[in-house]
């Protein structure tokens, strides 16, 4: 069967460019499925498989209304929603193997919405005028390959032709790659880690690997938490060992490593085992010390390195996090449990160390227990989170949550 590339773009204003790229893909022996996200009309250079009217309908609006209203923001929102829905539908139906798109900031926004609807491992190439700097808003937590357009996506010239051919070569090569895994398939466990919980997570990882599990470790820097939960939502993960949900401290305090308000929710949606420990909730993260907001000037700060300043969270912030953690666990549709270390939730939160504040930790633990569904197990250990006894118990509790067929 021929490899099929989904070509997404605003054919009404970039028909020439897409016509060129379509021909180049076909020259490589691949077939093309086209989706028009342009609101104004279509192109007369080729027949569109998925016209803009279909995309708009999938986005919940009639294309004629979008054209009449002339509201660019609303039009982009509608087309992005429709493109994402159709892209995922057609992929699930096996109608294409990879996706390529090109555009400026507006086109990039709509095309990337469609690409983010696809699982990791599906080839995605995006030629963009904004492929520079922080592209998180474009790629999200998905494997989108971005190629700077160098010049605007406007016409075929000596520069754009080279870039377009580079993109065609990339997407055609990607779709022909053998993506079958070379190693033995093992159950996948994700773990969250930070510098201050590294010892704990390393001990857990080693124990789980010895028992036949694949362990993926994610650094709790906002992007790490979102990526981990994105993999959970996509069905790649069998269980989550959430040792370090510290990103919630940043969400509450306005730190730089927030993973957003959805953090801790994906395992429950996926109905997979989820063990939660309050690792590093004693700290919110900021940049260099001069970047810490003025309102925190009287708080306990610690310069972890020249680029990262840690702020000790207080009793009220910990109590708030405890309530949120309980709410997330209560909403879970899968097995979930808590493991709490009463002698500190990080290296710094050790007896006599910089962030040692037992009353703040206790406020969180009590908030968890007071707001938690009684069916959910809570275990307290009189150790620090980085002690071997904590890691051993964490592994045992997680495996106890696993289905019997997956136990080693």
Protein backbone atom coordinates (compact mmCIF):
# COMPACT_ATOMS: atom_id res chain seq x y z
CA UNK A 1 0.00 0.00 0.00
CA UNK A 2 1.25 3.47 -0.88
CA UNK A 3 2.39 5.77 1.90
CA UNK A 4 -0.11 8.61 2.30
CA UNK A 5 0.82 12.09 3.51
CA UNK A 6 -1.86 14.41 4.90
CA UNK A 7 -1.15 17.90 3.56
CA UNK A 8 -2.82 20.60 5.69
CA UNK A 9 -2.83 24.23 4.64
CA UNK A 10 -4.61 27.41 3.66
CA UNK A 11 -5.00 26.55 -0.01
CA UNK A 12 -6.93 29.75 -0.68
CA UNK A 13 -3.83 31.91 -0.20
CA UNK A 14 -1.00 29.39 -0.56
CA UNK A 15 -2.23 27.20 -3.41
CA UNK A 16 0.94 27.66 -5.45
CA UNK A 17 3.20 26.60 -2.61
CA UNK A 18 1.07 23.60 -1.69
CA UNK A 19 0.70 22.58 -5.31
CA UNK A 20 4.50 22.49 -5.57
CA UNK A 21 4.88 20.46 -2.37
CA UNK A 22 2.11 18.05 -3.40
CA UNK A 23 3.95 17.35 -6.64
CA UNK A 24 7.23 16.80 -4.80
CA UNK A 25 5.61 14.29 -2.44
CA UNK A 26 4.13 12.39 -5.35
CA UNK A 27 7.52 12.41 -7.07
CA UNK A 28 8.81 10.52 -4.02
CA UNK A 29 6.25 7.79 -4.63
CA UNK A 30 3.86 8.80 -1.88
CA UNK A 31 0.18 9.65 -2.16
CA UNK A 32 -1.35 12.87 -0.83
CA UNK A 33 -4.52 13.55 1.16
CA UNK A 34 -5.29 17.28 1.22
CA UNK A 35 -7.11 19.34 3.88
CA UNK A 36 -7.96 23.00 3.24
CA UNK A 37 -8.02 25.18 6.35
CA UNK A 38 -8.35 28.41 4.35
CA UNK A 39 -11.60 30.25 5.02
CA UNK A 40 -11.81 32.37 1.86
CA UNK A 41 -12.02 29.57 -0.68
CA UNK A 42 -10.02 26.84 -2.39
CA UNK A 43 -7.35 26.50 -5.06
CA UNK A 44 -7.89 25.62 -8.70
CA UNK A 45 -4.49 23.89 -8.89
CA UNK A 46 -5.70 20.57 -7.44
CA UNK A 47 -8.83 18.95 -6.03
CA UNK A 48 -9.09 19.17 -2.25
CA UNK A 49 -10.01 15.93 -0.49
CA UNK A 50 -11.17 17.61 2.73
CA UNK A 51 -12.57 21.05 1.78
CA UNK A 52 -12.82 24.00 4.13
CA UNK A 53 -16.58 23.55 4.46
CA UNK A 54 -16.00 20.10 5.98
CA UNK A 55 -13.33 21.45 8.33
CA UNK A 56 -15.58 24.30 9.46
CA UNK A 57 -18.46 21.88 10.05
CA UNK A 58 -16.20 19.67 12.17
CA UNK A 59 -15.35 22.82 14.11
CA UNK A 60 -19.02 23.53 14.76
CA UNK A 61 -19.68 26.35 12.28
CA UNK A 62 -20.82 26.81 8.69
CA UNK A 63 -18.09 28.06 6.34
CA UNK A 64 -20.46 30.62 4.82
CA UNK A 65 -20.99 32.16 8.24
CA UNK A 66 -17.26 32.43 8.81
CA UNK A 67 -16.85 34.13 5.46
CA UNK A 68 -19.71 36.51 6.13
CA UNK A 69 -18.67 37.43 9.69
CA UNK A 70 -15.05 38.16 8.71
CA UNK A 71 -13.92 37.51 12.28
CA UNK A 72 -10.37 36.24 11.81
CA UNK A 73 -9.96 35.10 15.41
CA UNK A 74 -13.20 33.14 15.41
CA UNK A 75 -12.40 31.65 12.02
CA UNK A 76 -8.98 30.42 13.17
CA UNK A 77 -10.46 28.97 16.34
CA UNK A 78 -13.12 27.11 14.36
CA UNK A 79 -10.75 25.79 11.72
CA UNK A 80 -8.24 24.69 14.36
CA UNK A 81 -10.92 22.74 16.19
CA UNK A 82 -12.23 21.19 12.98
CA UNK A 83 -8.77 20.35 11.64
CA UNK A 84 -7.84 18.61 14.89
CA UNK A 85 -11.05 16.56 14.93
CA UNK A 86 -10.78 15.46 11.29
CA UNK A 87 -7.06 14.74 11.53
CA UNK A 88 -7.55 12.44 14.47
CA UNK A 89 -10.59 10.78 12.86
CA UNK A 90 -8.81 10.10 9.59
CA UNK A 91 -5.70 8.83 11.37
CA UNK A 92 -7.75 6.44 13.50
CA UNK A 93 -9.35 5.18 10.28
CA UNK A 94 -5.88 4.49 8.83
CA UNK A 95 -6.20 7.01 5.98
CA UNK A 96 -2.72 8.58 6.25
CA UNK A 97 0.71 7.85 7.70
CA UNK A 98 2.22 11.29 8.27
CA UNK A 99 1.30 14.97 8.11
CA UNK A 100 2.97 18.03 6.58
CA UNK A 101 1.93 21.67 6.82
CA UNK A 102 3.35 25.14 6.06
CA UNK A 103 2.40 28.61 7.16
CA UNK A 104 2.92 31.86 8.99
CA UNK A 105 1.84 32.43 12.56
CA UNK A 106 -1.86 31.93 11.81
CA UNK A 107 -1.44 28.86 9.66
CA UNK A 108 1.06 27.45 12.14
CA UNK A 109 -1.50 27.82 14.92
CA UNK A 110 -4.21 25.91 13.05
CA UNK A 111 -1.93 23.24 11.57
CA UNK A 112 -0.20 22.55 14.88
CA UNK A 113 -3.59 22.06 16.55
CA UNK A 114 -4.22 19.24 14.11
CA UNK A 115 -0.77 17.77 14.66
CA UNK A 116 -1.12 17.83 18.44
CA UNK A 117 -4.26 15.69 18.09
CA UNK A 118 -2.06 12.82 16.87
CA UNK A 119 -0.16 10.34 19.07
CA UNK A 120 3.58 10.46 19.52
CA UNK A 121 5.28 8.44 16.79
CA UNK A 122 3.14 9.72 13.92
CA UNK A 123 5.47 11.76 11.65
CA UNK A 124 4.66 15.49 11.79
CA UNK A 125 6.59 18.16 9.88
CA UNK A 126 5.72 21.86 10.07
CA UNK A 127 7.43 24.52 7.96
CA UNK A 128 6.86 27.77 9.80
CA UNK A 129 7.87 31.41 9.88
CA UNK A 130 7.84 31.22 13.69
CA UNK A 131 10.05 28.14 14.11
CA UNK A 132 12.38 29.87 16.58
CA UNK A 133 12.57 30.64 20.29
CA UNK A 134 10.11 29.01 22.66
CA UNK A 135 7.80 26.91 20.48
CA UNK A 136 6.01 25.17 23.36
CA UNK A 137 2.72 26.81 22.44
CA UNK A 138 3.04 25.23 18.99
CA UNK A 139 4.37 21.76 19.76
CA UNK A 140 2.78 21.20 23.16
CA UNK A 141 4.09 17.83 24.33
CA UNK A 142 4.03 16.20 20.88
CA UNK A 143 6.87 15.29 18.53
CA UNK A 144 6.34 17.98 15.90
CA UNK A 145 9.38 18.59 13.72
CA UNK A 146 9.58 22.31 12.94
CA UNK A 147 11.57 23.66 10.02
CA UNK A 148 12.19 27.43 9.79
CA UNK A 149 10.83 28.69 6.50
CA UNK A 150 13.75 31.20 6.26
CA UNK A 151 11.68 33.35 3.90
CA UNK A 152 7.91 33.72 4.12
CA UNK A 153 5.75 30.92 2.73
CA UNK A 154 4.96 33.08 -0.27
CA UNK A 155 5.90 31.82 -3.71
CA UNK A 156 8.50 29.44 -5.07
CA UNK A 157 11.99 30.93 -5.10
CA UNK A 158 15.54 29.57 -4.73
CA UNK A 159 15.27 29.63 -0.92
CA UNK A 160 11.71 28.40 -0.41
CA UNK A 161 12.17 25.62 -2.96
CA UNK A 162 15.09 24.21 -0.99
CA UNK A 163 13.19 24.44 2.30
CA UNK A 164 10.04 22.87 0.84
CA UNK A 165 12.04 19.99 -0.64
CA UNK A 166 13.76 19.52 2.71
CA UNK A 167 10.36 19.20 4.36
CA UNK A 168 9.16 16.73 1.72
CA UNK A 169 12.29 14.64 2.20
CA UNK A 170 11.76 14.68 5.95
CA UNK A 171 8.12 13.60 5.94
CA UNK A 172 8.57 10.96 3.24
CA UNK A 173 11.61 9.54 5.02
CA UNK A 174 9.86 9.53 8.37
CA UNK A 175 6.82 7.68 7.08
CA UNK A 176 8.99 4.98 5.51
CA UNK A 177 10.86 4.33 8.74
CA UNK A 178 10.29 1.05 10.55
CA UNK A 179 8.92 2.07 13.96
CA UNK A 180 8.63 -1.41 15.44
CA UNK A 181 10.55 -1.65 18.71
CA UNK A 182 13.75 -3.69 18.67
CA UNK A 183 13.62 -4.74 22.32
CA UNK A 184 11.24 -6.88 24.34
CA UNK A 185 7.93 -5.21 25.12
CA UNK A 186 7.60 -4.46 28.85
CA UNK A 187 4.97 -2.73 30.98
CA UNK A 188 5.75 1.00 31.12
CA UNK A 189 5.86 2.95 34.38
CA UNK A 190 6.37 6.72 34.41
CA UNK A 191 8.03 8.46 37.35
CA UNK A 192 8.34 12.15 38.18
CA UNK A 193 11.66 13.41 39.55
CA UNK A 194 13.44 16.58 40.65
CA UNK A 195 16.97 17.20 41.86
CA UNK A 196 15.74 17.01 45.43
CA UNK A 197 14.10 13.58 44.92
CA UNK A 198 16.71 12.03 42.62
CA UNK A 199 17.93 9.49 45.18
CA UNK A 200 14.42 8.20 45.80
CA UNK A 201 13.45 7.91 42.15
CA UNK A 202 16.73 6.25 41.19
CA UNK A 203 16.19 3.58 43.85
CA UNK A 204 12.62 3.05 42.66
CA UNK A 205 13.68 2.86 39.04
CA UNK A 206 16.39 0.29 39.72
CA UNK A 207 13.99 -1.88 41.70
CA UNK A 208 11.28 -1.72 39.02
CA UNK A 209 13.72 -2.45 36.18
CA UNK A 210 14.95 -5.53 38.07
CA UNK A 211 11.33 -6.70 38.24
CA UNK A 212 10.85 -6.43 34.48
CA UNK A 213 9.33 -2.96 34.02
CA UNK A 214 10.29 -0.18 31.64
CA UNK A 215 10.66 3.04 33.64
CA UNK A 216 10.43 6.47 32.01
CA UNK A 217 11.61 9.32 34.26
CA UNK A 218 10.39 12.89 33.73
CA UNK A 219 11.95 15.98 35.27
CA UNK A 220 9.27 18.01 37.04
CA UNK A 221 9.89 21.27 35.19
CA UNK A 222 6.39 21.92 33.89
CA UNK A 223 7.14 20.54 30.46
CA UNK A 224 8.16 17.25 32.08
CA UNK A 225 4.89 16.85 33.93
CA UNK A 226 2.81 17.79 30.89
CA UNK A 227 4.76 15.39 28.68
CA UNK A 228 4.39 12.54 31.13
CA UNK A 229 0.65 13.04 31.40
CA UNK A 230 0.40 13.46 27.63
CA UNK A 231 1.90 9.98 27.22
CA UNK A 232 -0.61 8.69 29.76
CA UNK A 233 -3.49 10.21 27.81
CA UNK A 234 -2.15 8.66 24.60
CA UNK A 235 -2.20 5.19 26.14
CA UNK A 236 1.55 4.52 26.31
CA UNK A 237 1.73 4.08 30.09
CA UNK A 238 0.68 1.25 32.44
CA UNK A 239 1.22 3.03 35.79
CA UNK A 240 2.53 6.28 37.27
CA UNK A 241 4.91 6.60 40.21
CA UNK A 242 4.31 10.28 41.00
CA UNK A 243 7.09 10.89 43.48
CA UNK A 244 7.47 14.56 42.52
CA UNK A 245 4.31 16.56 41.75
CA UNK A 246 6.16 19.75 42.77
CA UNK A 247 4.82 21.58 39.71
CA UNK A 248 1.71 22.26 41.78
CA UNK A 249 3.78 24.49 44.08
CA UNK A 250 4.70 26.58 41.04
CA UNK A 251 1.10 26.64 39.85
CA UNK A 252 -0.04 28.02 43.21
CA UNK A 253 2.86 30.42 43.82
CA UNK A 254 3.37 31.64 40.25
CA UNK A 255 6.69 29.86 39.78
CA UNK A 256 8.36 29.08 36.47
CA UNK A 257 7.79 25.30 36.46
CA UNK A 258 4.00 25.02 36.53
CA UNK A 259 2.47 22.16 34.58
CA UNK A 260 -0.98 23.72 34.70
CA UNK A 261 -4.11 22.86 36.69
CA UNK A 262 -4.58 19.49 34.98
CA UNK A 263 -1.48 17.98 36.60
CA UNK A 264 -2.25 14.71 38.46
CA UNK A 265 -5.44 14.11 36.43
CA UNK A 266 -4.30 11.99 33.47
CA UNK A 267 -3.71 8.67 35.29
CA UNK A 268 -7.22 8.86 36.72
CA UNK A 269 -8.70 9.48 33.26
CA UNK A 270 -6.71 6.56 31.88
CA UNK A 271 -7.77 4.34 34.80
CA UNK A 272 -4.20 3.23 35.46
CA UNK A 273 -2.46 2.74 38.85
CA UNK A 274 -1.24 6.03 40.35
CA UNK A 275 0.87 6.32 43.49
CA UNK A 276 1.26 9.92 44.68
CA UNK A 277 3.99 11.17 47.02
CA UNK A 278 4.38 14.89 47.84
CA UNK A 279 7.97 15.17 46.64
CA UNK A 280 9.41 18.71 46.56
CA UNK A 281 6.12 20.44 47.35
CA UNK A 282 8.22 22.41 49.85
CA UNK A 283 9.60 24.55 47.02
CA UNK A 284 8.42 26.86 44.27
CA UNK A 285 10.88 27.70 41.51
CA UNK A 286 11.90 31.06 40.12
CA UNK A 287 14.75 32.30 37.95
CA UNK A 288 17.77 34.24 39.27
CA UNK A 289 17.17 35.63 42.75
CA UNK A 290 16.50 39.13 41.41
CA UNK A 291 13.55 37.71 39.42
CA UNK A 292 11.64 36.55 42.51
CA UNK A 293 8.45 38.65 42.81
CA UNK A 294 8.62 41.48 45.33
CA UNK A 295 5.69 40.02 47.30
CA UNK A 296 7.96 37.12 48.28
CA UNK A 297 10.85 39.27 49.47
CA UNK A 298 10.31 38.22 53.10
CA UNK A 299 10.13 34.48 52.32
CA UNK A 300 12.85 31.90 52.76
CA UNK A 301 14.81 31.70 49.50
CA UNK A 302 17.60 29.38 48.43
CA UNK A 303 19.80 29.84 45.36
CA UNK A 304 19.88 26.31 43.95
CA UNK A 305 22.10 27.56 41.12
CA UNK A 306 22.63 30.96 39.42
CA UNK A 307 19.54 30.43 37.27
CA UNK A 308 17.17 28.82 39.78
CA UNK A 309 15.97 30.23 43.09
CA UNK A 310 13.82 28.08 45.36
CA UNK A 311 11.22 29.51 47.71
CA UNK A 312 10.00 27.52 50.71
CA UNK A 313 6.24 27.06 50.54
CA UNK A 314 4.31 27.99 53.67
CA UNK A 315 1.61 26.31 55.73
CA UNK A 316 -1.32 27.76 53.79
CA UNK A 317 0.17 26.92 50.38
CA UNK A 318 0.80 23.35 51.52
CA UNK A 319 -2.72 23.06 52.88
CA UNK A 320 -4.08 24.24 49.53
CA UNK A 321 -1.99 21.68 47.67
CA UNK A 322 -3.20 18.93 49.99
CA UNK A 323 -6.82 19.72 49.17
CA UNK A 324 -6.07 19.76 45.44
CA UNK A 325 -4.19 16.46 45.58
CA UNK A 326 -7.13 14.86 47.37
CA UNK A 327 -9.59 16.23 44.81
CA UNK A 328 -7.52 14.86 41.93
CA UNK A 329 -7.34 11.44 43.58
CA UNK A 330 -11.06 11.44 44.40
CA UNK A 331 -11.83 12.04 40.72
CA UNK A 332 -9.66 9.13 39.59
CA UNK A 333 -11.37 6.27 37.80
CA UNK A 334 -8.44 3.98 38.52
CA UNK A 335 -6.52 2.67 41.53
CA UNK A 336 -4.72 5.44 43.45
CA UNK A 337 -2.90 5.73 46.78
CA UNK A 338 -0.74 8.17 48.77
CA UNK A 339 2.62 7.66 50.47
CA UNK A 340 3.67 10.47 52.83
CA UNK A 341 7.18 10.97 54.35
CA UNK A 342 6.88 12.61 57.76
CA UNK A 343 10.59 13.52 57.95
CA UNK A 344 10.68 15.69 54.88
CA UNK A 345 9.59 15.81 51.24
CA UNK A 346 12.97 16.75 49.76
CA UNK A 347 16.70 16.91 50.51
CA UNK A 348 16.32 20.48 51.73
CA UNK A 349 13.30 19.52 53.83
CA UNK A 350 15.38 17.39 56.18
CA UNK A 351 15.78 17.87 59.92
CA UNK A 352 17.99 20.93 60.39
CA UNK A 353 18.25 21.74 56.68
CA UNK A 354 17.19 25.01 54.94
CA UNK A 355 13.57 24.09 54.18
CA UNK A 356 12.80 21.98 57.26
CA UNK A 357 9.29 23.11 58.24
CA UNK A 358 7.34 20.17 59.72
CA UNK A 359 4.21 22.26 60.32
CA UNK A 360 3.92 23.00 56.58
CA UNK A 361 4.34 19.34 55.68
CA UNK A 362 1.82 18.34 58.31
CA UNK A 363 -0.68 20.91 56.98
CA UNK A 364 -0.50 19.22 53.60
CA UNK A 365 -0.74 15.68 54.94
CA UNK A 366 -3.75 16.55 57.08
CA UNK A 367 -5.45 18.31 54.16
CA UNK A 368 -4.99 15.22 52.01
CA UNK A 369 -6.45 12.89 54.64
CA UNK A 370 -9.29 15.21 55.63
CA UNK A 371 -10.48 15.68 52.04
CA UNK A 372 -9.77 12.22 50.64
CA UNK A 373 -12.32 9.55 49.82
CA UNK A 374 -12.00 6.93 52.59
CA UNK A 375 -11.57 4.18 49.99
CA UNK A 376 -8.17 5.61 48.98
CA UNK A 377 -5.21 4.30 50.96
CA UNK A 378 -2.84 6.71 52.72
CA UNK A 379 0.40 5.45 54.25
CA UNK A 380 2.69 7.62 56.38
CA UNK A 381 6.33 6.65 56.90
CA UNK A 382 8.56 8.19 59.57
CA UNK A 383 11.40 8.73 57.11
CA UNK A 384 12.63 11.32 54.60
CA UNK A 385 11.47 10.88 51.01
CA UNK A 386 15.00 10.01 49.90
CA UNK A 387 15.48 7.20 52.44
CA UNK A 388 15.70 3.65 51.10
CA UNK A 389 12.70 2.58 53.17
CA UNK A 390 10.52 5.12 51.41
CA UNK A 391 11.60 3.97 47.94
CA UNK A 392 11.03 0.32 48.84
CA UNK A 393 7.55 1.05 50.16
CA UNK A 394 6.71 3.19 47.11
CA UNK A 395 7.57 0.33 44.75
CA UNK A 396 5.60 -2.19 46.80
CA UNK A 397 2.53 0.07 46.95
CA UNK A 398 2.59 0.81 43.23
CA UNK A 399 2.89 -2.86 42.33
CA UNK A 400 0.03 -3.66 44.68
CA UNK A 401 -2.13 -1.29 42.62
CA UNK A 402 -1.22 -3.06 39.39
CA UNK A 403 -3.55 -5.67 37.84
CA UNK A 404 -2.55 -9.21 38.90
CA UNK A 405 -1.58 -10.15 35.34
CA UNK A 406 1.08 -7.44 35.30
CA UNK A 407 2.72 -8.33 38.59
CA UNK A 408 6.22 -9.79 38.27
